[in-house]
């Protein structure tokens, strides 16, 4: 029995490798694994507590949890290394030249990390927001330290570097108000009755259940084009992500109403003369 106990002690104290002045044994690795499992359990517990809160919306819960998670993992890594005898500061100091070289090569990635921290802290973009950047309209699904995952209108997931969001002009359709304004342009023939056209466009838009009641939609006579009178219908919707489907529905209603009231939608006509 004593021999077995002695053998087990020898196994635990068996030196696997050395880092600096620290001897890494089997027991050190086991302790490190237990510590990391405990840290992971704490992170999951904190996540449950945060997501149970009724005072924060989903986007704020995600932001708070992400920041706490990253801080805990960094602190946990440093503490874990120190507990098994590895001085992280000495290790980093000894490899300073190597870190400088890596830093120069990975400066874009570091820039993405900084941008990720900015996005998480200032809440200018939150999970669930509808944004438009570089002519790309998408919904934010996840914000990580280096990248942000978005869903486009054609249901494709795109992973964007965080610097792409912080360096480009960005429109947040849902930043301060759930209702966003949109417009549809319509051209009718010069023979059309202007007031009838405006009344039809406004009533058809206002009766659509997907169009917000307040503010009320309105119609503007915008221009005299070469072959048409140009009107724009302005309306508000709480679903900017799928607003193109709503625009399609409204255009169908406009077309049917114009046909019923003999309102012509002009189109370019070309006459080709054949030389004799």
Protein backbone atom coordinates (compact mmCIF):
# COMPACT_ATOMS: atom_id res chain seq x y z
CA UNK A 1 0.00 0.00 0.00
CA UNK A 2 2.83 2.35 0.88
CA UNK A 3 4.52 1.51 -2.39
CA UNK A 4 1.37 2.43 -4.32
CA UNK A 5 1.04 5.69 -2.36
CA UNK A 6 4.69 6.51 -3.00
CA UNK A 7 4.32 5.75 -6.70
CA UNK A 8 1.25 8.02 -6.90
CA UNK A 9 3.21 10.85 -5.24
CA UNK A 10 6.05 10.35 -7.64
CA UNK A 11 3.58 10.52 -10.53
CA UNK A 12 2.09 13.80 -9.25
CA UNK A 13 5.52 15.31 -8.68
CA UNK A 14 6.89 14.10 -12.01
CA UNK A 15 8.45 17.05 -13.84
CA UNK A 16 7.15 17.39 -17.38
CA UNK A 17 9.08 20.49 -18.51
CA UNK A 18 10.61 23.72 -17.26
CA UNK A 19 9.62 27.31 -18.12
CA UNK A 20 12.18 29.78 -16.80
CA UNK A 21 12.66 28.91 -13.15
CA UNK A 22 9.33 27.10 -12.87
CA UNK A 23 9.17 23.31 -12.98
CA UNK A 24 5.85 22.16 -14.45
CA UNK A 25 4.77 18.87 -12.92
CA UNK A 26 1.74 16.63 -13.41
CA UNK A 27 0.14 18.04 -10.25
CA UNK A 28 0.63 21.61 -11.56
CA UNK A 29 -1.18 20.77 -14.78
CA UNK A 30 -4.02 19.05 -12.91
CA UNK A 31 -4.36 22.10 -10.65
CA UNK A 32 -4.40 24.38 -13.69
CA UNK A 33 -7.13 22.32 -15.37
CA UNK A 34 -9.26 22.36 -12.20
CA UNK A 35 -8.75 26.13 -11.90
CA UNK A 36 -9.81 26.73 -15.53
CA UNK A 37 -12.89 24.51 -15.12
CA UNK A 38 -13.85 26.47 -12.00
CA UNK A 39 -13.34 29.74 -13.88
CA UNK A 40 -15.52 28.50 -16.73
CA UNK A 41 -18.23 27.52 -14.21
CA UNK A 42 -18.10 31.01 -12.67
CA UNK A 43 -18.44 32.61 -16.13
CA UNK A 44 -21.52 30.49 -16.89
CA UNK A 45 -23.01 31.33 -13.50
CA UNK A 46 -22.49 35.06 -14.09
CA UNK A 47 -24.12 34.72 -17.52
CA UNK A 48 -27.23 33.16 -15.97
CA UNK A 49 -27.45 35.90 -13.35
CA UNK A 50 -27.08 38.69 -15.93
CA UNK A 51 -29.62 37.22 -18.35
CA UNK A 52 -32.15 36.79 -15.52
CA UNK A 53 -32.11 40.53 -14.88
CA UNK A 54 -35.29 42.38 -15.84
CA UNK A 55 -33.66 45.82 -15.73
CA UNK A 56 -31.46 45.32 -18.81
CA UNK A 57 -32.54 44.70 -22.40
CA UNK A 58 -31.00 41.86 -24.43
CA UNK A 59 -28.33 44.01 -26.09
CA UNK A 60 -27.12 45.46 -22.76
CA UNK A 61 -27.06 42.01 -21.19
CA UNK A 62 -24.85 40.78 -24.04
CA UNK A 63 -22.52 43.79 -23.70
CA UNK A 64 -22.15 43.50 -19.90
CA UNK A 65 -21.57 39.75 -20.03
CA UNK A 66 -19.02 40.01 -22.86
CA UNK A 67 -16.93 42.60 -20.99
CA UNK A 68 -17.03 40.63 -17.72
CA UNK A 69 -16.18 37.39 -19.54
CA UNK A 70 -13.11 38.83 -21.27
CA UNK A 71 -11.84 40.45 -18.05
CA UNK A 72 -12.29 37.21 -16.09
CA UNK A 73 -10.48 35.14 -18.71
CA UNK A 74 -7.51 37.54 -18.83
CA UNK A 75 -7.25 37.77 -15.03
CA UNK A 76 -7.79 34.01 -14.74
CA UNK A 77 -4.96 33.31 -17.19
CA UNK A 78 -2.54 35.51 -15.23
CA UNK A 79 -3.57 34.02 -11.87
CA UNK A 80 -3.40 30.46 -13.23
CA UNK A 81 0.13 30.99 -14.53
CA UNK A 82 1.26 32.51 -11.24
CA UNK A 83 -0.30 29.68 -9.21
CA UNK A 84 1.76 27.04 -11.00
CA UNK A 85 4.91 29.14 -10.62
CA UNK A 86 5.12 30.95 -13.96
CA UNK A 87 5.68 34.70 -13.66
CA UNK A 88 3.75 36.13 -16.61
CA UNK A 89 5.41 39.56 -16.37
CA UNK A 90 8.88 38.02 -16.52
CA UNK A 91 7.81 35.79 -19.37
CA UNK A 92 6.48 38.74 -21.35
CA UNK A 93 9.56 40.82 -20.56
CA UNK A 94 11.86 38.09 -21.79
CA UNK A 95 9.96 37.90 -25.08
CA UNK A 96 9.53 41.67 -25.54
CA UNK A 97 11.41 41.76 -28.83
CA UNK A 98 9.35 38.88 -30.16
CA UNK A 99 6.13 40.58 -29.03
CA UNK A 100 7.11 43.81 -30.81
CA UNK A 101 7.63 41.89 -34.05
CA UNK A 102 4.34 40.07 -33.66
CA UNK A 103 2.61 43.34 -32.80
CA UNK A 104 3.81 45.00 -36.01
CA UNK A 105 2.63 42.06 -38.04
CA UNK A 106 -0.72 41.87 -36.27
CA UNK A 107 -1.48 45.58 -35.88
CA UNK A 108 -4.72 45.25 -37.87
CA UNK A 109 -5.93 42.51 -35.52
CA UNK A 110 -5.04 44.65 -32.48
CA UNK A 111 -6.93 47.52 -34.07
CA UNK A 112 -9.96 45.22 -34.40
CA UNK A 113 -9.66 44.34 -30.70
CA UNK A 114 -9.63 48.02 -29.69
CA UNK A 115 -12.60 48.70 -31.98
CA UNK A 116 -14.44 45.77 -30.39
CA UNK A 117 -13.93 47.21 -26.91
CA UNK A 118 -15.20 50.61 -28.13
CA UNK A 119 -18.31 49.04 -29.67
CA UNK A 120 -19.08 47.13 -26.47
CA UNK A 121 -18.55 50.13 -24.20
CA UNK A 122 -20.24 53.02 -26.02
CA UNK A 123 -23.32 51.01 -27.13
CA UNK A 124 -23.59 52.89 -30.43
CA UNK A 125 -24.22 49.48 -31.99
CA UNK A 126 -26.08 46.77 -30.06
CA UNK A 127 -27.11 43.20 -30.75
CA UNK A 128 -30.38 43.31 -32.68
CA UNK A 129 -29.76 46.73 -34.26
CA UNK A 130 -30.38 47.25 -37.97
CA UNK A 131 -27.37 49.01 -39.47
CA UNK A 132 -26.24 50.16 -42.90
CA UNK A 133 -22.54 50.40 -43.66
CA UNK A 134 -20.90 50.66 -47.08
CA UNK A 135 -24.33 50.07 -48.73
CA UNK A 136 -24.77 46.85 -46.73
CA UNK A 137 -28.01 46.68 -44.70
CA UNK A 138 -27.83 44.03 -41.99
CA UNK A 139 -28.90 43.04 -38.48
CA UNK A 140 -26.29 42.73 -35.73
CA UNK A 141 -26.28 39.20 -34.31
CA UNK A 142 -23.11 39.08 -32.20
CA UNK A 143 -20.35 41.51 -31.19
CA UNK A 144 -17.03 39.93 -30.26
CA UNK A 145 -13.69 41.53 -29.45
CA UNK A 146 -12.29 41.16 -32.98
CA UNK A 147 -15.31 40.66 -35.25
CA UNK A 148 -19.03 41.36 -35.47
CA UNK A 149 -21.45 38.84 -36.97
CA UNK A 150 -24.34 40.29 -38.99
CA UNK A 151 -27.27 38.88 -40.97
CA UNK A 152 -27.97 40.45 -44.37
CA UNK A 153 -31.38 40.89 -46.01
CA UNK A 154 -30.74 37.85 -48.20
CA UNK A 155 -30.28 35.76 -45.01
CA UNK A 156 -26.51 35.39 -45.24
CA UNK A 157 -24.28 35.64 -42.20
CA UNK A 158 -21.30 37.95 -42.70
CA UNK A 159 -18.39 38.31 -40.28
CA UNK A 160 -17.10 41.89 -40.31
CA UNK A 161 -13.85 43.13 -38.73
CA UNK A 162 -14.71 45.64 -36.01
CA UNK A 163 -12.56 48.33 -37.64
CA UNK A 164 -14.87 48.12 -40.67
CA UNK A 165 -17.69 49.37 -38.43
CA UNK A 166 -15.72 52.07 -36.64
CA UNK A 167 -13.89 53.55 -39.64
CA UNK A 168 -16.79 53.74 -42.14
CA UNK A 169 -19.86 55.95 -42.09
CA UNK A 170 -22.57 53.91 -40.42
CA UNK A 171 -26.34 54.34 -40.20
CA UNK A 172 -28.06 52.74 -37.21
CA UNK A 173 -31.73 52.49 -38.18
CA UNK A 174 -32.82 51.45 -34.70
CA UNK A 175 -30.48 53.51 -32.50
CA UNK A 176 -32.97 55.89 -30.88
CA UNK A 177 -36.39 55.11 -32.38
CA UNK A 178 -37.96 51.83 -33.42
CA UNK A 179 -39.74 53.53 -36.35
CA UNK A 180 -37.58 54.52 -39.33
CA UNK A 181 -38.67 56.59 -42.32
CA UNK A 182 -38.65 55.26 -45.88
CA UNK A 183 -39.99 56.42 -49.23
CA UNK A 184 -41.24 55.06 -52.55
CA UNK A 185 -40.98 57.03 -55.79
CA UNK A 186 -43.88 56.89 -58.26
CA UNK A 187 -44.19 58.44 -61.73
CA UNK A 188 -47.53 59.10 -63.47
CA UNK A 189 -48.51 60.62 -66.82
CA UNK A 190 -48.93 64.40 -67.19
CA UNK A 191 -52.63 63.86 -67.93
CA UNK A 192 -53.22 62.50 -64.40
CA UNK A 193 -55.17 64.42 -61.75
CA UNK A 194 -52.53 65.40 -59.18
CA UNK A 195 -54.83 65.49 -56.14
CA UNK A 196 -56.36 62.10 -56.98
CA UNK A 197 -52.90 60.55 -57.27
CA UNK A 198 -51.79 62.00 -53.93
CA UNK A 199 -54.97 60.91 -52.14
CA UNK A 200 -54.69 57.35 -53.49
CA UNK A 201 -51.03 57.00 -52.53
CA UNK A 202 -51.63 58.32 -49.00
CA UNK A 203 -54.75 56.22 -48.27
CA UNK A 204 -53.26 52.99 -49.62
CA UNK A 205 -50.10 53.50 -47.58
CA UNK A 206 -51.91 54.44 -44.36
CA UNK A 207 -54.19 51.39 -44.47
CA UNK A 208 -51.31 48.91 -44.65
CA UNK A 209 -50.96 47.31 -41.16
CA UNK A 210 -47.15 47.21 -41.43
CA UNK A 211 -46.95 51.00 -41.80
CA UNK A 212 -46.74 52.96 -38.53
CA UNK A 213 -49.79 55.05 -37.65
CA UNK A 214 -47.71 57.80 -36.13
CA UNK A 215 -46.13 59.72 -37.70
CA UNK A 216 -48.69 59.56 -40.52
CA UNK A 217 -47.47 58.78 -44.03
CA UNK A 218 -47.52 61.69 -46.47
CA UNK A 219 -47.05 62.29 -50.19
CA UNK A 220 -44.87 64.94 -51.83
CA UNK A 221 -45.03 66.12 -55.45
CA UNK A 222 -41.31 66.20 -56.09
CA UNK A 223 -40.55 66.91 -59.73
CA UNK A 224 -41.56 67.38 -63.36
CA UNK A 225 -39.64 64.69 -65.23
CA UNK A 226 -39.30 64.35 -69.00
CA UNK A 227 -42.30 62.07 -69.38
CA UNK A 228 -43.84 61.84 -65.88
CA UNK A 229 -44.93 63.66 -62.75
CA UNK A 230 -42.79 62.38 -59.88
CA UNK A 231 -44.33 61.74 -56.46
CA UNK A 232 -42.67 60.35 -53.34
CA UNK A 233 -44.60 58.51 -50.64
CA UNK A 234 -43.01 58.83 -47.17
CA UNK A 235 -43.89 56.42 -44.38
CA UNK A 236 -42.52 54.99 -41.15
CA UNK A 237 -42.00 51.33 -40.28
CA UNK A 238 -40.78 49.44 -37.22
CA UNK A 239 -39.24 46.69 -39.38
CA UNK A 240 -36.44 48.33 -41.38
CA UNK A 241 -34.74 44.99 -41.94
CA UNK A 242 -37.61 43.63 -44.09
CA UNK A 243 -38.90 46.96 -45.38
CA UNK A 244 -38.21 45.99 -49.01
CA UNK A 245 -41.00 43.39 -48.75
CA UNK A 246 -43.34 46.12 -47.49
CA UNK A 247 -42.33 48.40 -50.36
CA UNK A 248 -43.15 45.62 -52.82
CA UNK A 249 -46.63 45.17 -51.29
CA UNK A 250 -47.32 48.90 -51.53
CA UNK A 251 -46.14 49.11 -55.15
CA UNK A 252 -48.58 46.32 -56.09
CA UNK A 253 -51.44 48.23 -54.39
CA UNK A 254 -50.46 51.46 -56.17
CA UNK A 255 -50.41 49.72 -59.55
CA UNK A 256 -53.83 48.13 -59.05
CA UNK A 257 -55.37 51.42 -57.87
CA UNK A 258 -53.91 53.37 -60.79
CA UNK A 259 -55.34 50.84 -63.24
CA UNK A 260 -58.80 51.11 -61.62
CA UNK A 261 -58.74 54.92 -61.85
CA UNK A 262 -57.26 55.01 -65.38
CA UNK A 263 -54.07 56.66 -64.16
CA UNK A 264 -51.28 55.93 -66.61
CA UNK A 265 -47.76 55.02 -65.56
CA UNK A 266 -45.59 56.25 -68.46
CA UNK A 267 -42.67 54.31 -69.87
CA UNK A 268 -40.03 55.27 -72.44
CA UNK A 269 -40.98 54.63 -76.07
CA UNK A 270 -38.53 54.53 -78.93
CA UNK A 271 -39.37 54.61 -82.64
CA UNK A 272 -36.79 53.09 -84.95
CA UNK A 273 -36.85 54.30 -88.60
CA UNK A 274 -35.23 52.03 -91.15
CA UNK A 275 -33.25 53.89 -93.77
CA UNK A 276 -34.25 53.19 -97.35
